[in-house]
Amino acid sequence: MKTYQVLFLLLFIMHLATLINVTIFDGEWNGIVLAVSNLLFLAGAVFFGVESRARKKVKGEGV
């Protein structure tokens, strides 16, 4: 999977969790949804960092 696809997938899951919390659970699970969203954001940031460093490393070897 490409980096932007993974990041958009994580963003979609975060928004879907918020939507489900508001519509189905009437906002009762705000703390859990916030924690899940934070973890997904951190996972996306780490994934982006790893992919970015790997891309720079491969690009630097070709020079």
C-alpha atoms as a PDB file:
ATOM      1  CA  MET A   1       0.000   0.000   0.000  1.00  0.00           C
ATOM      2  CA  LYS A   2       1.206   3.487  -0.746  1.00  0.00           C
ATOM      3  CA  THR A   3       1.826   5.901   2.091  1.00  0.00           C
ATOM      4  CA  TYR A   4      -1.018   8.253   1.236  1.00  0.00           C
ATOM      5  CA  GLN A   5      -3.468   5.331   1.050  1.00  0.00           C
ATOM      6  CA  VAL A   6      -2.547   4.208   4.558  1.00  0.00           C
ATOM      7  CA  LEU A   7      -2.851   7.749   5.902  1.00  0.00           C
ATOM      8  CA  PHE A   8      -6.260   8.263   4.276  1.00  0.00           C
ATOM      9  CA  LEU A   9      -7.412   4.890   5.603  1.00  0.00           C
ATOM     10  CA  LEU A  10      -6.399   5.864   9.138  1.00  0.00           C
ATOM     11  CA  LEU A  11      -8.136   9.223   8.750  1.00  0.00           C
ATOM     12  CA  PHE A  12     -11.276   7.482   7.504  1.00  0.00           C
ATOM     13  CA  ILE A  13     -11.270   5.104  10.491  1.00  0.00           C
ATOM     14  CA  MET A  14     -10.868   8.019  12.895  1.00  0.00           C
ATOM     15  CA  HIS A  15     -13.813   9.891  11.386  1.00  0.00           C
ATOM     16  CA  LEU A  16     -15.907   6.734  11.217  1.00  0.00           C
ATOM     17  CA  ALA A  17     -15.293   6.060  14.921  1.00  0.00           C
ATOM     18  CA  THR A  18     -16.380   9.606  15.764  1.00  0.00           C
ATOM     19  CA  LEU A  19     -19.481   9.299  13.576  1.00  0.00           C
ATOM     20  CA  ILE A  20     -20.471   5.983  15.147  1.00  0.00           C
ATOM     21  CA  ASN A  21     -19.915   7.367  18.640  1.00  0.00           C
ATOM     22  CA  VAL A  22     -22.105  10.394  17.996  1.00  0.00           C
ATOM     23  CA  THR A  23     -24.905   8.682  16.066  1.00  0.00           C
ATOM     24  CA  ILE A  24     -25.202   5.279  17.713  1.00  0.00           C
ATOM     25  CA  PHE A  25     -23.831   5.776  21.221  1.00  0.00           C
ATOM     26  CA  ASP A  26     -24.914   9.435  21.675  1.00  0.00           C
ATOM     27  CA  GLY A  27     -21.374  10.457  22.613  1.00  0.00           C
ATOM     28  CA  GLU A  28     -21.126   8.125  25.610  1.00  0.00           C
ATOM     29  CA  TRP A  29     -17.738   6.727  24.524  1.00  0.00           C
ATOM     30  CA  ASN A  30     -15.946  10.028  23.966  1.00  0.00           C
ATOM     31  CA  GLY A  31     -12.892   9.024  26.002  1.00  0.00           C
ATOM     32  CA  ILE A  32     -12.450   5.721  24.206  1.00  0.00           C
ATOM     33  CA  VAL A  33     -12.896   7.267  20.770  1.00  0.00           C
ATOM     34  CA  LEU A  34     -10.437  10.033  21.626  1.00  0.00           C
ATOM     35  CA  ALA A  35      -7.865   7.491  22.789  1.00  0.00           C
ATOM     36  CA  VAL A  36      -8.327   5.374  19.645  1.00  0.00           C
ATOM     37  CA  SER A  37      -8.050   8.459  17.444  1.00  0.00           C
ATOM     38  CA  ASN A  38      -4.854   9.524  19.202  1.00  0.00           C
ATOM     39  CA  LEU A  39      -3.337   6.063  18.790  1.00  0.00           C
ATOM     40  CA  LEU A  40      -4.278   5.975  15.105  1.00  0.00           C
ATOM     41  CA  PHE A  41      -2.766   9.417  14.603  1.00  0.00           C
ATOM     42  CA  LEU A  42       0.467   8.349  16.282  1.00  0.00           C
ATOM     43  CA  ALA A  43       0.549   5.162  14.188  1.00  0.00           C
ATOM     44  CA  GLY A  44       0.091   7.250  11.035  1.00  0.00           C
ATOM     45  CA  ALA A  45       2.814   9.685  12.047  1.00  0.00           C
ATOM     46  CA  VAL A  46       5.253   6.855  12.779  1.00  0.00           C
ATOM     47  CA  PHE A  47       4.360   5.109   9.525  1.00  0.00           C
ATOM     48  CA  PHE A  48       4.889   8.326   7.581  1.00  0.00           C
ATOM     49  CA  GLY A  49       8.236   8.916   9.295  1.00  0.00           C
ATOM     50  CA  VAL A  50       9.466   5.409   8.568  1.00  0.00           C
ATOM     51  CA  GLU A  51       8.384   5.580   4.934  1.00  0.00           C
ATOM     52  CA  SER A  52       9.879   9.043   4.497  1.00  0.00           C
ATOM     53  CA  ARG A  53      13.250   7.976   5.907  1.00  0.00           C
ATOM     54  CA  ALA A  54      13.261   4.828   3.789  1.00  0.00           C
ATOM     55  CA  ARG A  55      12.492   6.862   0.670  1.00  0.00           C
ATOM     56  CA  LYS A  56      15.274   9.359   1.453  1.00  0.00           C
ATOM     57  CA  LYS A  57      17.725   6.535   2.111  1.00  0.00           C
ATOM     58  CA  VAL A  58      16.942   4.810  -1.206  1.00  0.00           C
ATOM     59  CA  LYS A  59      17.065   8.123  -3.035  1.00  0.00           C
ATOM     60  CA  GLY A  60      20.441   8.952  -1.461  1.00  0.00           C
ATOM     61  CA  GLU A  61      21.968   5.609  -2.475  1.00  0.00           C
ATOM     62  CA  GLY A  62      21.218   6.222  -6.138  1.00  0.00           C
ATOM     63  CA  VAL A  63      23.283   9.413  -6.252  1.00  0.00           C
END
